[in-house]
Amino acid sequence: MFMKKIKTMTVIEKFLQKYSAKSTIKTYRSFLKQYFEVIGQNSDTYFKQKHDYPEDVLKYWRHLNEKPPKTIATSLACVRMFLSENDNELPSKFWRGIHNRTKGTRAVTEDKIPSSQELKRILSHADVRGRALFTTLMQSGMRIGELTEINISDIDFSCNPTKIRIRAEITKTGNQRYCFIGQESTDALESWLEHRETFLNASKSRAKALQRYYNREPPSNTKNEKVFPFSIGTVRDIWNRLLDNAKLSEKDKRTKHHKMHPHVLRKYFRTHMSLTVPVDVVEALMGHEGYLTECYRRYTIEQLGEQYLTGEKDISVFETPVNLSGINESLKEKEEQIQRMRVDFIEGELKRQKMETEMEKMLDEIKKLKEIKK
């Protein structure tokens, strides 16, 4: 039985090898597992025998009928690619027919992008961990799956703004990129990193206690380099508790999901940053593939950071960063004025000295003329 389970996963895992993002792999694995459960087949033997693949897909589609349109579309896209990878390409006409029979195309849950005041209210209930988590999401435009996978070594606090490297293996597109966070997030992250080790030690102690209780092996002592060493589910749980505490846990009547889920922080970033920064730069910072290549061709990483700084004030909640560019220009102008005054003063002093010398000469000449007159 155990060997059969290993073989069952082989075809699926082989298909999933082409993807790098852990969140995508996890989602597609779940869809394919569900697909084979619904049609009552084993993935290990599925392609070794002749099957009515269109009928299997329709059976799965009917099972998904009550799901949100976006979930249905993603599930079927996964199955379509899986079948194609295993040399069972179904006609485009067949897929168009399913698409046309599926009601709606957008996500069912009604999103609500929080205002700056609402975010301030939510984050005021957060501890050092929650504040670091959600200010970073809010000011970087990262996906949650990317945030939970970044390592401490990926953050460069020496830059202004703070720069974060999102490694290729954790991005949705499989391409490395950089994003930035403002001073608000930087302060929250630095504070979290000071407390992180204490949090980890406490978590390990609880895990060991549970392992002893259930008479299992203790957890591995492998050093964890992740900035936020917990799952996406944990992130959502923390966020939902903050919504409850802030009395902002409004839910969609149909799906029962929160309207302000963590993903809206990414939408908040795009909406507010686009007020000042060019849209193509914002989209590239968020990791949208269609903009990355062109944007990286036009701008250096440093120039993208400079663009980010111009919009930082629009994505700050607790404080508005001081724009030093005007101050620096004013200081430069004042220094130039002082320099000119110094030059004028020196020139005036030289003129004064010259006039005193000439006056002394004239007085000497007058004195001599008076003596001659006598």
Protein backbone atom coordinates (compact mmCIF):
# COMPACT_ATOMS: atom_id res chain seq x y z
CA MET A 1 0.00 0.00 0.00
CA PHE A 2 2.84 2.35 0.89
CA MET A 3 4.67 1.65 -2.39
CA LYS A 4 1.46 2.30 -4.33
CA LYS A 5 1.19 5.76 -2.74
CA ILE A 6 4.74 6.60 -3.78
CA LYS A 7 4.02 5.56 -7.37
CA THR A 8 0.74 7.53 -7.39
CA MET A 9 2.61 10.75 -6.70
CA THR A 10 5.30 10.14 -9.32
CA VAL A 11 3.43 11.45 -12.39
CA ILE A 12 2.11 14.45 -10.51
CA GLU A 13 5.48 15.35 -8.98
CA LYS A 14 7.14 15.06 -12.38
CA PHE A 15 4.64 17.59 -13.75
CA LEU A 16 5.19 19.93 -10.79
CA GLN A 17 8.97 20.00 -11.30
CA LYS A 18 8.56 22.70 -13.97
CA TYR A 19 7.30 25.17 -11.34
CA SER A 20 9.49 26.98 -8.83
CA ALA A 21 7.05 28.87 -6.60
CA LYS A 22 6.10 26.76 -3.58
CA SER A 23 2.61 28.25 -3.43
CA THR A 24 1.94 27.27 -7.07
CA ILE A 25 3.25 23.75 -6.50
CA LYS A 26 1.09 23.33 -3.42
CA THR A 27 -2.03 24.64 -5.19
CA TYR A 28 -1.57 22.54 -8.33
CA ARG A 29 -0.84 19.40 -6.29
CA SER A 30 -4.11 19.94 -4.45
CA PHE A 31 -6.06 20.42 -7.70
CA LEU A 32 -4.63 17.27 -9.31
CA LYS A 33 -5.22 15.19 -6.19
CA GLN A 34 -8.82 16.39 -6.21
CA TYR A 35 -9.15 15.64 -9.93
CA PHE A 36 -8.18 11.99 -9.50
CA GLU A 37 -10.40 11.62 -6.44
CA VAL A 38 -13.42 12.96 -8.34
CA ILE A 39 -12.94 10.76 -11.43
CA GLY A 40 -12.00 7.74 -9.27
CA GLN A 41 -8.68 7.04 -11.00
CA ASN A 42 -5.07 6.51 -9.97
CA SER A 43 -2.54 8.90 -11.49
CA ASP A 44 0.07 6.12 -11.74
CA THR A 45 -2.03 4.04 -14.12
CA TYR A 46 -4.15 6.81 -15.65
CA PHE A 47 -2.13 7.24 -18.84
CA LYS A 48 -1.34 3.54 -19.24
CA GLN A 49 -4.91 2.79 -20.21
CA LYS A 50 -7.29 4.42 -22.67
CA HIS A 51 -9.69 6.87 -21.01
CA ASP A 52 -12.42 9.21 -22.11
CA TYR A 53 -10.45 12.29 -21.06
CA PRO A 54 -13.09 14.85 -22.14
CA GLU A 55 -15.70 13.07 -20.01
CA ASP A 56 -13.29 12.97 -17.04
CA VAL A 57 -12.73 16.73 -17.33
CA LEU A 58 -16.47 17.39 -17.57
CA LYS A 59 -17.04 15.26 -14.48
CA TYR A 60 -14.45 17.32 -12.61
CA TRP A 61 -15.96 20.57 -13.95
CA ARG A 62 -19.42 19.55 -12.70
CA HIS A 63 -17.88 18.84 -9.29
CA LEU A 64 -16.45 22.38 -9.26
CA ASN A 65 -19.76 23.92 -10.25
CA GLU A 66 -20.41 25.66 -6.91
CA LYS A 67 -16.86 26.99 -6.60
CA PRO A 68 -15.94 30.63 -7.43
CA PRO A 69 -15.32 31.18 -11.18
CA LYS A 70 -11.67 32.03 -10.60
CA THR A 71 -11.10 28.77 -8.72
CA ILE A 72 -12.80 26.80 -11.49
CA ALA A 73 -10.66 28.48 -14.16
CA THR A 74 -7.41 27.87 -12.27
CA SER A 75 -8.30 24.23 -11.51
CA LEU A 76 -9.16 23.46 -15.13
CA ALA A 77 -6.06 25.26 -16.40
CA CYS A 78 -3.96 23.03 -14.15
CA VAL A 79 -5.68 19.86 -15.42
CA ARG A 80 -5.37 21.04 -19.03
CA MET A 81 -1.59 21.55 -18.68
CA PHE A 82 -1.24 18.23 -16.86
CA LEU A 83 -3.02 16.33 -19.64
CA SER A 84 -1.03 18.16 -22.31
CA GLU A 85 2.29 17.41 -20.60
CA ASN A 86 1.35 13.73 -20.72
CA ASP A 87 0.55 13.83 -24.48
CA ASN A 88 -3.21 14.12 -24.16
CA GLU A 89 -4.00 17.52 -25.67
CA LEU A 90 -7.75 18.14 -25.86
CA PRO A 91 -9.13 20.42 -28.62
CA SER A 92 -9.34 24.16 -27.94
CA LYS A 93 -13.01 24.00 -28.94
CA PHE A 94 -13.67 21.67 -26.00
CA TRP A 95 -12.06 24.07 -23.49
CA ARG A 96 -13.87 27.07 -24.99
CA GLY A 97 -17.16 25.24 -24.51
CA ILE A 98 -16.45 24.73 -20.81
CA HIS A 99 -15.34 28.35 -20.44
CA ASN A 100 -18.52 29.63 -22.06
CA ARG A 101 -20.65 27.48 -19.77
CA THR A 102 -18.94 28.74 -16.62
CA LYS A 103 -20.71 31.73 -15.10
CA GLY A 104 -18.48 34.69 -14.41
CA THR A 105 -14.73 35.04 -14.67
CA ARG A 106 -13.72 37.08 -11.66
CA ALA A 107 -13.18 36.19 -8.02
CA VAL A 108 -16.49 35.97 -6.16
CA THR A 109 -15.34 37.48 -2.88
CA GLU A 110 -15.79 41.24 -2.85
CA ASP A 111 -12.45 42.80 -1.96
CA LYS A 112 -12.15 45.96 0.07
CA ILE A 113 -8.90 47.91 -0.09
CA PRO A 114 -8.40 49.52 3.33
CA SER A 115 -7.81 53.22 3.69
CA SER A 116 -4.69 54.53 5.42
CA GLN A 117 -6.79 55.27 8.51
CA GLU A 118 -8.19 51.72 8.56
CA LEU A 119 -4.71 50.22 8.18
CA LYS A 120 -3.46 52.37 11.04
CA ARG A 121 -6.36 51.13 13.12
CA ILE A 122 -5.64 47.48 12.24
CA LEU A 123 -1.89 47.68 12.82
CA SER A 124 -2.31 49.51 16.12
CA HIS A 125 -3.46 46.14 17.53
CA ALA A 126 -0.42 44.26 16.16
CA ASP A 127 2.57 43.04 18.16
CA VAL A 128 6.12 43.41 16.86
CA ARG A 129 5.70 40.36 14.61
CA GLY A 130 2.37 41.40 13.10
CA ARG A 131 3.48 44.97 12.52
CA ALA A 132 6.61 43.80 10.68
CA LEU A 133 4.62 41.32 8.60
CA PHE A 134 1.92 43.62 7.36
CA THR A 135 3.85 46.87 6.99
CA THR A 136 6.30 44.91 4.81
CA LEU A 137 3.47 43.55 2.67
CA MET A 138 1.89 47.00 2.53
CA GLN A 139 5.07 48.84 1.51
CA SER A 140 6.69 46.25 -0.78
CA GLY A 141 3.84 44.90 -2.94
CA MET A 142 5.12 41.35 -2.36
CA ARG A 143 2.93 38.26 -2.48
CA ILE A 144 2.38 36.49 0.85
CA GLY A 145 4.12 33.38 -0.47
CA GLU A 146 7.19 35.45 -1.32
CA LEU A 147 7.22 37.19 2.07
CA THR A 148 7.20 33.91 4.00
CA GLU A 149 10.16 32.60 1.97
CA ILE A 150 12.63 35.52 2.07
CA ASN A 151 15.79 35.00 4.12
CA ILE A 152 17.52 37.47 6.40
CA SER A 153 20.39 37.63 3.90
CA ASP A 154 17.95 38.84 1.21
CA ILE A 155 17.46 42.17 3.02
CA ASP A 156 19.91 45.03 2.51
CA PHE A 157 19.37 47.61 5.25
CA SER A 158 22.35 49.66 4.07
CA CYS A 159 20.38 50.98 1.07
CA ASN A 160 17.93 53.86 1.08
CA PRO A 161 15.24 52.67 0.63
CA THR A 162 15.85 49.23 2.17
CA LYS A 163 16.22 46.71 -0.66
CA ILE A 164 14.88 43.14 -0.64
CA ARG A 165 15.98 40.46 -3.08
CA ILE A 166 13.21 38.05 -4.06
CA ARG A 167 15.04 34.94 -5.22
CA ALA A 168 14.02 33.20 -8.45
CA GLU A 169 12.98 30.00 -6.68
CA ILE A 170 10.33 31.77 -4.59
CA THR A 171 8.77 34.02 -7.27
CA LYS A 172 5.64 33.13 -9.20
CA THR A 173 7.39 33.77 -12.53
CA GLY A 174 10.67 32.01 -11.70
CA ASN A 175 12.64 35.24 -12.26
CA GLN A 176 14.58 37.04 -9.54
CA ARG A 177 13.62 40.62 -8.82
CA TYR A 178 14.10 43.35 -6.21
CA CYS A 179 11.57 45.32 -4.23
CA PHE A 180 11.87 48.03 -1.59
CA ILE A 181 10.35 49.01 1.74
CA GLY A 182 10.10 52.43 3.36
CA GLN A 183 11.32 53.66 6.72
CA GLU A 184 8.13 52.57 8.43
CA SER A 185 8.61 48.94 7.40
CA THR A 186 12.36 49.11 7.94
CA ASP A 187 11.90 50.14 11.57
CA ALA A 188 9.29 47.40 12.10
CA LEU A 189 11.51 44.74 10.48
CA GLU A 190 14.59 45.70 12.49
CA SER A 191 12.54 45.54 15.68
CA TRP A 192 11.16 42.11 14.71
CA LEU A 193 14.62 40.73 13.95
CA GLU A 194 15.72 41.73 17.45
CA HIS A 195 12.86 39.62 18.89
CA ARG A 196 12.91 36.82 16.27
CA GLU A 197 15.31 34.51 18.11
CA THR A 198 13.22 34.70 21.28
CA PHE A 199 10.12 33.82 19.24
CA LEU A 200 11.91 30.85 17.60
CA ASN A 201 13.15 29.50 20.91
CA ALA A 202 9.66 29.71 22.39
CA SER A 203 8.20 27.93 19.32
CA LYS A 204 10.83 25.18 19.55
CA SER A 205 10.09 24.66 23.23
CA ARG A 206 6.37 24.28 22.52
CA ALA A 207 7.10 21.88 19.63
CA LYS A 208 9.39 19.74 21.80
CA ALA A 209 6.78 19.59 24.54
CA LEU A 210 4.17 18.40 22.04
CA GLN A 211 6.58 15.84 20.61
CA ARG A 212 7.27 14.45 24.09
CA TYR A 213 3.54 14.38 24.84
CA TYR A 214 2.83 12.36 21.69
CA ASN A 215 6.03 10.31 22.09
CA ARG A 216 7.47 11.41 18.75
CA GLU A 217 10.90 12.47 17.54
CA PRO A 218 11.90 16.02 18.55
CA PRO A 219 11.98 18.65 15.79
CA SER A 220 15.16 19.20 13.80
CA ASN A 221 17.63 21.77 15.09
CA THR A 222 18.36 23.00 11.56
CA LYS A 223 18.94 26.76 11.62
CA ASN A 224 16.05 28.67 10.09
CA GLU A 225 17.15 31.64 7.97
CA LYS A 226 13.68 32.85 7.04
CA VAL A 227 12.72 36.34 8.16
CA PHE A 228 9.22 35.09 9.03
CA PRO A 229 9.53 31.37 9.89
CA PHE A 230 5.86 30.44 9.74
CA SER A 231 3.27 29.37 7.19
CA ILE A 232 0.92 31.38 5.00
CA GLY A 233 -1.95 29.99 7.08
CA THR A 234 -0.39 31.46 10.21
CA VAL A 235 -0.06 34.86 8.48
CA ARG A 236 -3.76 34.79 7.60
CA ASP A 237 -4.70 33.80 11.16
CA ILE A 238 -2.69 36.72 12.58
CA TRP A 239 -4.35 39.12 10.13
CA ASN A 240 -7.86 37.86 10.90
CA ARG A 241 -7.30 38.35 14.63
CA LEU A 242 -6.19 41.92 13.97
CA LEU A 243 -9.34 42.53 11.92
CA ASP A 244 -11.46 41.22 14.78
CA ASN A 245 -9.70 43.43 17.33
CA ALA A 246 -10.06 46.47 15.07
CA LYS A 247 -13.78 45.70 14.51
CA LEU A 248 -13.18 45.55 10.75
CA SER A 249 -13.82 41.85 10.10
CA GLU A 250 -16.51 42.40 7.46
CA LYS A 251 -17.14 39.24 5.42
CA ASP A 252 -18.51 38.56 1.96
CA LYS A 253 -22.10 37.27 2.30
CA ARG A 254 -21.64 34.56 -0.34
CA THR A 255 -18.16 33.19 0.34
CA LYS A 256 -17.93 34.08 4.06
CA HIS A 257 -14.37 35.26 3.44
CA HIS A 258 -13.02 38.52 4.85
CA LYS A 259 -13.30 41.41 2.42
CA MET A 260 -10.03 42.76 3.81
CA HIS A 261 -7.83 39.67 3.37
CA PRO A 262 -3.99 40.02 3.38
CA HIS A 263 -3.82 40.14 -0.42
CA VAL A 264 -5.55 43.55 -0.39
CA LEU A 265 -2.32 44.99 1.04
CA ARG A 266 -0.74 44.27 -2.34
CA LYS A 267 -3.62 46.10 -4.00
CA TYR A 268 -3.19 48.96 -1.51
CA PHE A 269 0.45 49.22 -2.58
CA ARG A 270 -0.42 49.37 -6.28
CA THR A 271 -3.23 51.89 -5.86
CA HIS A 272 -1.34 54.32 -3.63
CA MET A 273 2.15 54.00 -5.12
CA SER A 274 0.72 54.66 -8.61
CA LEU A 275 -0.36 58.12 -7.46
CA THR A 276 3.24 59.30 -7.80
CA VAL A 277 5.33 56.55 -9.41
CA PRO A 278 4.93 55.47 -13.09
CA VAL A 279 2.63 52.46 -13.41
CA ASP A 280 5.22 50.33 -15.23
CA VAL A 281 7.65 50.77 -12.32
CA VAL A 282 4.96 49.86 -9.79
CA GLU A 283 3.98 46.76 -11.77
CA ALA A 284 7.63 45.70 -12.06
CA LEU A 285 8.18 46.12 -8.31
CA MET A 286 5.15 43.88 -7.75
CA GLY A 287 6.62 41.20 -10.01
CA HIS A 288 4.20 41.31 -12.93
CA GLU A 289 6.08 39.55 -15.69
CA GLY A 290 4.90 41.74 -18.57
CA TYR A 291 6.63 44.79 -17.06
CA LEU A 292 9.78 43.29 -15.47
CA THR A 293 12.03 42.85 -18.50
CA GLU A 294 11.27 46.23 -20.06
CA CYS A 295 11.51 48.05 -16.73
CA TYR A 296 14.86 46.44 -15.85
CA ARG A 297 16.11 47.41 -19.30
CA ARG A 298 15.21 51.09 -18.76
CA TYR A 299 16.17 51.48 -15.09
CA THR A 300 18.98 50.35 -12.81
CA ILE A 301 18.08 48.95 -9.39
CA GLU A 302 19.28 52.23 -7.85
CA GLN A 303 17.00 54.24 -10.15
CA LEU A 304 14.04 52.04 -9.22
CA GLY A 305 14.87 52.79 -5.57
CA GLU A 306 14.85 56.51 -6.31
CA GLN A 307 11.46 56.15 -8.00
CA TYR A 308 10.19 54.27 -4.95
CA LEU A 309 11.27 57.07 -2.61
CA THR A 310 9.10 59.57 -4.49
CA GLY A 311 6.01 57.51 -3.66
CA GLU A 312 6.93 56.33 -0.16
CA LYS A 313 4.80 58.99 1.52
CA ASP A 314 1.70 57.62 -0.24
CA ILE A 315 2.09 54.12 1.29
CA SER A 316 3.01 55.19 4.83
CA VAL A 317 0.43 54.84 7.59
CA PHE A 318 1.91 55.96 10.90
CA GLU A 319 4.17 58.74 9.73
CA THR A 320 5.00 60.66 6.58
CA PRO A 321 8.69 60.47 5.68
CA VAL A 322 10.41 63.82 5.40
CA ASN A 323 11.34 64.66 1.83
CA LEU A 324 14.95 65.76 2.19
CA SER A 325 15.39 66.74 -1.45
CA GLY A 326 13.91 70.24 -0.91
CA ILE A 327 15.88 70.72 2.28
CA ASN A 328 19.10 69.73 0.57
CA GLU A 329 18.44 72.17 -2.26
CA SER A 330 17.70 74.94 0.25
CA LEU A 331 20.89 74.18 2.18
CA LYS A 332 22.90 74.25 -1.03
CA GLU A 333 21.40 77.61 -1.97
CA LYS A 334 22.16 79.05 1.49
CA GLU A 335 25.73 77.79 1.33
CA GLU A 336 26.17 79.46 -2.06
CA GLN A 337 24.80 82.73 -0.65
CA ILE A 338 27.21 82.57 2.29
CA GLN A 339 30.08 81.92 -0.09
CA ARG A 340 29.11 84.95 -2.17
CA MET A 341 28.87 87.06 0.99
CA ARG A 342 32.30 85.88 2.04
CA VAL A 343 33.72 86.86 -1.34
CA ASP A 344 31.99 90.24 -1.17
CA PHE A 345 33.27 90.73 2.38
CA ILE A 346 36.84 89.87 1.39
CA GLU A 347 36.64 92.13 -1.64
CA GLY A 348 35.18 94.91 0.52
CA GLU A 349 37.91 94.40 3.12
CA LEU A 350 40.58 94.69 0.44
CA LYS A 351 38.95 97.87 -0.87
CA ARG A 352 38.79 99.28 2.66
CA GLN A 353 42.46 98.51 3.27
CA LYS A 354 43.38 100.07 -0.06
CA MET A 355 41.37 103.21 0.77
CA GLU A 356 43.03 103.44 4.22
CA THR A 357 46.46 103.20 2.60
CA GLU A 358 45.59 105.88 0.08
CA MET A 359 44.18 108.11 2.83
CA GLU A 360 47.37 107.69 4.86
CA LYS A 361 49.45 108.66 1.83
CA MET A 362 47.29 111.73 1.23
CA LEU A 363 47.59 112.74 4.89
CA ASP A 364 51.37 112.35 4.68
CA GLU A 365 51.46 114.54 1.58
CA ILE A 366 49.28 117.19 3.26
CA LYS A 367 51.58 117.18 6.27
CA LYS A 368 54.64 117.64 4.07
CA LEU A 369 53.01 120.48 2.13
CA LYS A 370 52.16 122.27 5.38
CA GLU A 371 55.76 121.99 6.58
CA ILE A 372 57.03 123.41 3.28
CA LYS A 373 54.54 126.25 3.55
CA LYS A 374 55.90 127.18 6.96
